[in-house]
N, C-alpha and C. Protein backbone atom coordinates (compact mmCIF):
# COMPACT_ATOMS: atom_id res chain seq x y z
N MET A 1 6.43 -1.29 -10.34
CA MET A 1 5.22 -1.56 -10.79
C MET A 1 5.13 -3.16 -11.31
N LEU A 2 6.36 -3.84 -11.39
CA LEU A 2 6.23 -5.27 -11.83
C LEU A 2 6.21 -6.31 -10.93
N LEU A 3 6.81 -5.53 -9.57
CA LEU A 3 6.85 -6.81 -8.82
C LEU A 3 5.42 -7.40 -8.25
N PRO A 4 4.38 -7.00 -8.29
CA PRO A 4 2.93 -7.68 -7.75
C PRO A 4 2.83 -8.60 -9.38
N LEU A 5 3.05 -8.20 -10.33
CA LEU A 5 3.02 -9.10 -11.24
C LEU A 5 3.88 -10.36 -11.31
N LEU A 6 5.26 -10.13 -10.55
CA LEU A 6 6.38 -11.27 -10.85
C LEU A 6 5.90 -12.25 -9.52
N LEU A 7 5.18 -11.58 -8.47
CA LEU A 7 4.98 -12.23 -7.40
C LEU A 7 3.41 -13.22 -7.69
N ALA A 8 2.75 -12.53 -8.37
CA ALA A 8 1.39 -12.86 -9.43
C ALA A 8 1.89 -14.53 -10.08
N LEU A 9 3.43 -14.31 -10.65
CA LEU A 9 3.82 -15.67 -11.39
C LEU A 9 4.33 -16.61 -11.10
N LEU A 10 4.48 -16.12 -9.59
CA LEU A 10 5.14 -17.32 -8.68
C LEU A 10 4.91 -18.70 -8.59
N PRO A 11 3.80 -18.91 -8.51
CA PRO A 11 3.28 -20.51 -9.02
C PRO A 11 3.72 -21.14 -9.93
N SER A 12 3.58 -20.23 -11.35
CA SER A 12 4.07 -20.99 -12.36
C SER A 12 5.82 -21.11 -12.80
N ALA A 13 6.22 -20.42 -11.36
CA ALA A 13 7.85 -20.65 -11.14
C ALA A 13 8.22 -22.09 -10.65
N LEU A 14 7.04 -22.56 -9.54
CA LEU A 14 7.53 -23.49 -9.36
C LEU A 14 7.11 -24.89 -10.48
N LEU A 15 6.75 -24.71 -11.10
CA LEU A 15 6.43 -26.02 -12.37
C LEU A 15 7.56 -25.53 -13.18
N ALA A 16 8.02 -24.32 -13.70
CA ALA A 16 9.28 -24.32 -14.05
C ALA A 16 10.13 -24.85 -13.46
N LEU A 17 10.26 -24.76 -12.40
CA LEU A 17 11.61 -25.45 -11.84
C LEU A 17 11.82 -26.97 -11.84
N ARG A 18 10.78 -27.59 -11.87
CA ARG A 18 10.55 -28.70 -12.21
C ARG A 18 11.62 -29.40 -13.06
N SER A 19 11.80 -28.72 -14.33
CA SER A 19 12.82 -28.97 -15.10
C SER A 19 14.20 -28.32 -14.74
N PHE A 20 14.95 -29.21 -14.42
CA PHE A 20 16.62 -28.44 -14.24
C PHE A 20 17.01 -27.84 -15.47
N HIS A 21 16.62 -28.32 -16.64
CA HIS A 21 17.09 -27.97 -17.75
C HIS A 21 16.62 -26.63 -18.96
N HIS A 22 15.42 -26.20 -17.63
CA HIS A 22 14.72 -25.09 -18.44
C HIS A 22 15.87 -23.82 -18.25
N PRO A 23 15.46 -22.95 -19.41
CA PRO A 23 16.26 -22.05 -19.56
C PRO A 23 16.07 -20.57 -18.15
N TRP A 24 14.94 -20.56 -18.02
CA TRP A 24 14.62 -19.92 -16.87
C TRP A 24 14.95 -20.46 -15.36
N HIS A 25 15.30 -21.39 -15.24
CA HIS A 25 15.40 -22.08 -13.84
C HIS A 25 16.73 -21.13 -13.10
N GLY A 26 17.49 -20.31 -13.49
CA GLY A 26 18.04 -19.57 -12.29
C GLY A 26 17.22 -18.28 -12.07
N PRO A 27 16.63 -17.72 -13.06
CA PRO A 27 15.74 -16.76 -12.70
C PRO A 27 14.32 -16.97 -11.71
N MET A 28 13.80 -18.26 -11.72
CA MET A 28 13.05 -19.08 -11.42
C MET A 28 13.65 -18.87 -9.67
N THR A 29 14.83 -19.53 -9.65
CA THR A 29 15.58 -20.03 -8.24
C THR A 29 15.09 -18.76 -7.81
N LEU A 30 16.09 -17.60 -8.38
CA LEU A 30 16.02 -16.21 -7.36
C LEU A 30 14.66 -15.72 -7.00
N LEU A 31 13.77 -15.95 -7.98
CA LEU A 31 12.42 -15.37 -7.40
C LEU A 31 11.61 -16.02 -6.52
N LEU A 32 12.01 -17.52 -6.19
CA LEU A 32 11.31 -18.10 -4.88
C LEU A 32 11.98 -18.06 -3.80
N ARG A 33 13.32 -17.51 -4.11
CA ARG A 33 14.17 -17.12 -2.90
C ARG A 33 13.53 -15.46 -2.26
N LEU A 34 13.40 -14.88 -3.28
CA LEU A 34 12.39 -13.50 -2.66
C LEU A 34 11.36 -13.66 -2.12
N SER A 35 10.36 -14.97 -2.36
CA SER A 35 9.10 -14.99 -1.79
C SER A 35 9.28 -15.18 -0.42
N ARG A 36 10.26 -15.32 -0.13
CA ARG A 36 10.57 -15.60 1.58
C ARG A 36 10.34 -14.22 2.12
N TRP A 37 10.71 -13.23 1.43
CA TRP A 37 10.70 -12.15 2.22
C TRP A 37 9.96 -10.93 1.19
N GLU A 38 8.60 -11.95 0.72
CA GLU A 38 7.56 -10.87 0.64
C GLU A 38 6.79 -9.84 1.32
N TRP A 39 7.00 -10.32 2.42
CA TRP A 39 6.10 -9.09 3.30
C TRP A 39 6.93 -7.98 3.37
N LEU A 40 8.12 -8.29 3.31
CA LEU A 40 9.26 -7.27 3.27
C LEU A 40 8.89 -5.87 2.61
N ILE A 41 8.87 -6.78 0.91
CA ILE A 41 8.53 -6.08 -0.26
C ILE A 41 7.30 -5.44 -0.31
N ALA A 42 6.11 -6.31 0.45
CA ALA A 42 5.15 -5.73 0.03
C ALA A 42 5.07 -4.38 1.01
N ILE A 43 5.56 -4.36 2.34
CA ILE A 43 5.42 -3.05 3.31
C ILE A 43 6.52 -2.26 2.46
N ALA A 44 7.52 -2.27 2.22
CA ALA A 44 8.03 -1.27 1.54
C ALA A 44 7.18 -0.57 -0.06
N ALA A 45 6.53 -1.34 -0.85
CA ALA A 45 5.72 -1.32 -1.83
C ALA A 45 4.99 0.00 -1.72
N ALA A 46 4.11 -0.77 -0.30
CA ALA A 46 2.62 0.02 -0.07
C ALA A 46 2.99 1.44 0.68
N SER A 47 4.35 1.17 1.54
CA SER A 47 4.67 2.56 2.34
C SER A 47 5.04 3.73 1.11
N LEU A 48 5.92 3.15 0.31
CA LEU A 48 6.30 4.23 -0.86
C LEU A 48 4.91 4.79 -1.59
N CYS A 49 4.32 3.58 -1.99
CA CYS A 49 3.02 4.38 -2.52
C CYS A 49 2.45 5.36 -1.57
N LEU A 50 2.11 4.82 -0.34
CA LEU A 50 0.95 5.83 0.43
C LEU A 50 2.10 7.33 0.70
N SER A 51 3.35 7.27 0.96
CA SER A 51 4.27 8.34 1.18
C SER A 51 3.91 9.36 -0.15
N SER A 52 4.27 8.61 -1.46
CA SER A 52 4.17 9.78 -2.34
C SER A 52 2.64 9.94 -2.71
N THR A 53 1.38 9.48 -2.80
CA THR A 53 0.49 9.78 -2.93
C THR A 53 -0.01 10.89 -2.12
N ALA A 54 0.31 10.58 -0.63
CA ALA A 54 0.21 11.91 0.31
C ALA A 54 0.82 12.76 -0.09
N ALA A 55 1.94 12.93 -0.39
CA ALA A 55 2.37 14.10 -0.23
C ALA A 55 2.15 14.87 -1.93
N GLY A 56 1.42 14.21 -2.68
CA GLY A 56 0.53 14.76 -3.69
C GLY A 56 -0.22 15.13 -3.25
N TRP A 57 -1.23 15.10 -2.48
CA TRP A 57 -2.68 15.31 -2.02
C TRP A 57 -2.49 16.12 -1.43
N ARG A 58 -1.05 16.52 -0.71
CA ARG A 58 -0.96 17.84 0.59
C ARG A 58 -1.18 18.98 -0.83
N ARG A 59 -0.27 18.54 -2.29
CA ARG A 59 -0.46 19.85 -3.24
C ARG A 59 -1.16 19.76 -3.83
N HIS A 60 -2.26 18.78 -4.51
CA HIS A 60 -3.37 18.70 -5.30
C HIS A 60 -4.85 18.90 -4.66
N GLY A 61 -4.73 18.40 -3.29
CA GLY A 61 -6.13 18.19 -2.41
C GLY A 61 -7.15 17.22 -3.09
N GLN A 62 -6.42 16.41 -3.92
CA GLN A 62 -7.73 15.19 -4.52
C GLN A 62 -7.42 14.09 -3.82
N PRO A 63 -8.39 13.55 -3.15
CA PRO A 63 -8.32 12.31 -2.23
C PRO A 63 -8.16 10.99 -3.35
N LEU A 64 -8.72 11.00 -4.32
CA LEU A 64 -8.63 9.90 -5.14
C LEU A 64 -7.51 9.04 -5.32
N PRO A 65 -6.32 9.90 -5.62
CA PRO A 65 -4.81 8.55 -5.49
C PRO A 65 -4.96 7.98 -4.29
N LEU A 66 -4.97 8.92 -2.87
CA LEU A 66 -4.70 8.06 -1.68
C LEU A 66 -5.52 7.14 -1.04
N LEU A 67 -6.63 6.99 -1.89
CA LEU A 67 -7.66 6.56 -1.53
C LEU A 67 -7.50 5.02 -2.81
N LEU A 68 -6.85 4.94 -3.64
CA LEU A 68 -6.33 4.17 -4.53
C LEU A 68 -5.43 3.37 -3.54
N ALA A 69 -4.33 4.37 -3.41
CA ALA A 69 -3.03 3.62 -2.62
C ALA A 69 -3.42 2.98 -1.19
N VAL A 70 -4.19 3.33 -0.72
CA VAL A 70 -4.70 2.74 0.64
C VAL A 70 -5.07 1.27 0.51
N ALA A 71 -6.01 1.57 -0.78
CA ALA A 71 -7.06 0.10 -1.09
C ALA A 71 -5.91 -0.93 -1.64
N GLY A 72 -5.04 -0.66 -2.43
CA GLY A 72 -3.92 -1.37 -3.30
C GLY A 72 -2.94 -1.57 -2.19
N GLY A 73 -2.63 -1.16 -1.45
CA GLY A 73 -1.49 -1.24 -0.43
C GLY A 73 -2.29 -2.22 0.72
N GLY A 74 -3.26 -2.22 0.79
CA GLY A 74 -3.79 -3.11 2.17
C GLY A 74 -4.16 -4.51 1.08
N ALA A 75 -4.70 -4.42 -0.04
CA ALA A 75 -4.69 -5.56 -0.72
C ALA A 75 -3.23 -6.24 -0.82
N LEU A 76 -2.23 -5.67 -1.37
CA LEU A 76 -1.12 -6.27 -1.29
C LEU A 76 -0.53 -6.63 -0.14
N LEU A 77 -0.91 -6.41 1.11
CA LEU A 77 -0.26 -6.12 2.54
C LEU A 77 -1.08 -7.83 2.74
N LEU A 78 -2.39 -7.53 2.78
CA LEU A 78 -3.33 -9.04 2.69
C LEU A 78 -2.87 -10.05 2.24
N ALA A 79 -2.39 -9.96 0.98
CA ALA A 79 -2.11 -11.01 0.43
C ALA A 79 -0.41 -11.53 0.72
N ALA A 80 0.13 -10.78 1.21
CA ALA A 80 1.73 -11.23 1.70
C ALA A 80 1.47 -11.80 3.06
N MET A 81 0.76 -11.01 3.80
CA MET A 81 0.82 -11.59 4.88
C MET A 81 -0.26 -12.66 5.95
N GLN A 82 -1.44 -12.42 4.99
CA GLN A 82 -2.36 -13.33 5.60
C GLN A 82 -2.16 -15.11 5.08
N PRO A 83 -2.13 -15.84 5.94
CA PRO A 83 -1.70 -17.41 5.60
C PRO A 83 -2.48 -17.85 5.05
N GLN A 84 -3.96 -17.78 5.08
CA GLN A 84 -4.60 -18.74 4.20
C GLN A 84 -4.65 -18.07 2.90
N LEU A 85 -4.24 -17.06 2.78
CA LEU A 85 -4.17 -16.69 1.40
C LEU A 85 -3.00 -16.77 0.24
N ARG A 86 -2.12 -16.76 1.26
CA ARG A 86 -0.59 -17.09 0.68
C ARG A 86 -0.57 -18.68 0.34
N ASP A 87 -1.29 -19.19 0.85
CA ASP A 87 -1.43 -20.74 0.48
C ASP A 87 -2.29 -21.03 -0.38
N SER A 88 -3.06 -20.35 -1.11
CA SER A 88 -3.88 -20.32 -2.24
C SER A 88 -3.32 -19.46 -3.31
N ALA A 89 -2.77 -20.43 -4.44
CA ALA A 89 -2.19 -19.44 -5.13
C ALA A 89 -2.68 -18.74 -6.02
N LEU A 90 -4.28 -19.30 -6.34
CA LEU A 90 -5.48 -18.53 -7.02
C LEU A 90 -5.52 -17.12 -6.17
N TRP A 91 -6.15 -16.83 -5.33
CA TRP A 91 -6.70 -15.79 -4.25
C TRP A 91 -5.18 -14.92 -3.91
N HIS A 92 -4.36 -15.64 -3.61
CA HIS A 92 -3.17 -14.97 -3.34
C HIS A 92 -2.50 -13.97 -4.73
N GLY A 93 -2.66 -14.62 -5.54
CA GLY A 93 -2.04 -14.08 -6.80
C GLY A 93 -3.18 -13.01 -7.64
N LEU A 94 -4.38 -13.23 -7.49
CA LEU A 94 -5.18 -11.85 -7.58
C LEU A 94 -5.15 -10.97 -6.56
N LEU A 95 -5.32 -11.22 -5.64
CA LEU A 95 -5.48 -10.11 -4.55
C LEU A 95 -3.81 -9.25 -4.73
N ALA A 96 -2.66 -9.84 -5.00
CA ALA A 96 -1.22 -9.11 -5.11
C ALA A 96 -1.31 -8.82 -6.37
N ALA A 97 -2.00 -9.34 -7.63
CA ALA A 97 -2.21 -8.37 -8.84
C ALA A 97 -3.10 -7.35 -9.01
N THR A 98 -4.21 -7.38 -8.09
CA THR A 98 -5.11 -6.04 -7.71
C THR A 98 -4.36 -5.33 -6.80
N GLY A 99 -3.64 -5.64 -6.29
CA GLY A 99 -3.08 -4.35 -5.26
C GLY A 99 -2.36 -3.74 -5.88
N GLY A 100 -1.60 -4.48 -6.71
CA GLY A 100 -0.59 -3.98 -7.71
C GLY A 100 -0.82 -2.78 -8.50
N ALA A 101 -1.94 -3.24 -9.26
CA ALA A 101 -2.59 -2.55 -10.18
C ALA A 101 -3.44 -1.43 -9.54
N LEU A 102 -4.01 -1.60 -8.33
CA LEU A 102 -4.68 -0.03 -7.54
C LEU A 102 -3.45 1.00 -7.36
N MET A 103 -1.95 0.25 -7.10
CA MET A 103 -1.51 1.37 -6.45
C MET A 103 -0.77 1.89 -7.77
N ALA A 104 -0.42 1.17 -8.73
CA ALA A 104 -0.03 1.59 -10.09
C ALA A 104 -1.20 2.78 -10.60
N SER A 105 -2.17 2.58 -10.46
CA SER A 105 -3.35 3.61 -10.68
C SER A 105 -3.28 4.62 -10.18
N ALA A 106 -3.07 4.63 -8.51
CA ALA A 106 -2.67 5.59 -7.62
C ALA A 106 -1.75 6.76 -8.02
N HIS A 107 -0.69 5.93 -8.45
CA HIS A 107 0.74 6.65 -9.11
C HIS A 107 0.19 7.50 -10.24
N LEU A 108 -0.42 7.01 -11.16
CA LEU A 108 -1.05 7.47 -12.70
C LEU A 108 -1.81 8.68 -12.21
N CYS A 109 -2.66 8.53 -11.44
CA CYS A 109 -3.45 9.58 -11.15
C CYS A 109 -3.18 10.78 -10.59
N ASN A 110 -2.25 10.42 -9.28
CA ASN A 110 -1.72 11.53 -8.88
C ASN A 110 -0.56 12.31 -9.61
N ARG A 111 0.09 11.57 -10.56
CA ARG A 111 0.77 12.11 -11.59
C ARG A 111 0.05 13.31 -12.80
N ALA A 112 -1.03 12.55 -13.02
CA ALA A 112 -1.81 13.63 -13.87
C ALA A 112 -2.55 14.70 -13.10
N LEU A 113 -2.70 14.47 -11.80
CA LEU A 113 -3.42 15.58 -10.98
C LEU A 113 -2.27 16.84 -10.50
N LEU A 114 -1.32 16.38 -10.22
CA LEU A 114 0.03 17.16 -9.94
C LEU A 114 0.49 17.81 -11.16
N LYS A 115 0.54 17.24 -12.40
CA LYS A 115 0.25 17.94 -13.59
C LYS A 115 -0.38 19.02 -14.00
N ARG A 116 -1.45 18.58 -13.84
CA ARG A 116 -2.58 19.53 -13.71
C ARG A 116 -2.63 21.04 -12.85
N PHE A 117 -2.16 20.46 -11.59
CA PHE A 117 -1.57 21.45 -10.78
C PHE A 117 -0.77 22.30 -10.73
N LEU A 118 0.30 21.99 -11.28
CA LEU A 118 1.59 22.72 -11.64
C LEU A 118 1.25 23.80 -12.98
N GLN A 119 0.16 23.20 -13.57
CA GLN A 119 0.01 24.46 -15.08
C GLN A 119 -1.25 25.32 -14.48
N LEU A 120 -1.62 25.31 -13.50
CA LEU A 120 -2.65 26.45 -13.11
C LEU A 120 -1.69 27.75 -12.91
N PRO A 121 -2.54 29.27 -13.36
CA PRO A 121 -1.57 30.13 -12.65
C PRO A 121 -1.84 30.52 -11.42
N ALA A 122 -0.52 31.13 -11.41
CA ALA A 122 -0.42 31.69 -9.81
C ALA A 122 -1.53 32.10 -8.96
N GLY A 123 -1.72 31.77 -7.97
CA GLY A 123 -2.75 32.35 -6.91
C GLY A 123 -4.52 31.43 -7.06
N HIS A 124 -4.09 30.39 -7.87
CA HIS A 124 -5.44 29.71 -8.49
C HIS A 124 -5.45 28.63 -7.60
N ALA A 125 -5.84 28.07 -6.64
CA ALA A 125 -5.70 26.49 -6.02
C ALA A 125 -6.84 25.88 -6.59
N PRO A 126 -6.54 24.75 -6.57
CA PRO A 126 -7.33 23.56 -7.23
C PRO A 126 -8.92 23.52 -5.80
N ALA A 127 -9.98 23.43 -6.68
CA ALA A 127 -10.95 22.71 -5.72
C ALA A 127 -10.85 21.48 -4.79
N ALA A 128 -10.38 21.58 -3.90
CA ALA A 128 -10.43 20.33 -3.14
C ALA A 128 -12.08 19.76 -3.02
N THR A 129 -11.80 18.25 -2.87
CA THR A 129 -13.01 17.68 -2.74
C THR A 129 -13.05 16.81 -1.79
N TYR A 130 -13.24 16.91 -0.69
CA TYR A 130 -13.53 15.91 0.50
C TYR A 130 -14.55 15.02 1.12
């Protein structure tokens, strides 16, 4: 859940690297090296989020976590793969942070629904909304 926030901080990392005596020089250099692979990290994060919420959806039947995961994964992938957005620090950061927040919300919503589903008495299925 922290990766989108770290990727949103990437433009400020460039400023921190201008000073070679800065105490965060080493971690910021590592973060910049990871930005080269941002598209791969975004695919992995979106895939993990979609697969876990889809598994939860099959159990509890509520579509909200899956919709949040699709929107969040799409926003994160768009921020990572669209060249015009990658070049704009503002839009890239906003879209990546929004995608990360939506995916985190999907996980939290999915967790709450699964917890409620597991507490139901035997033989009582939740009402699915389609």
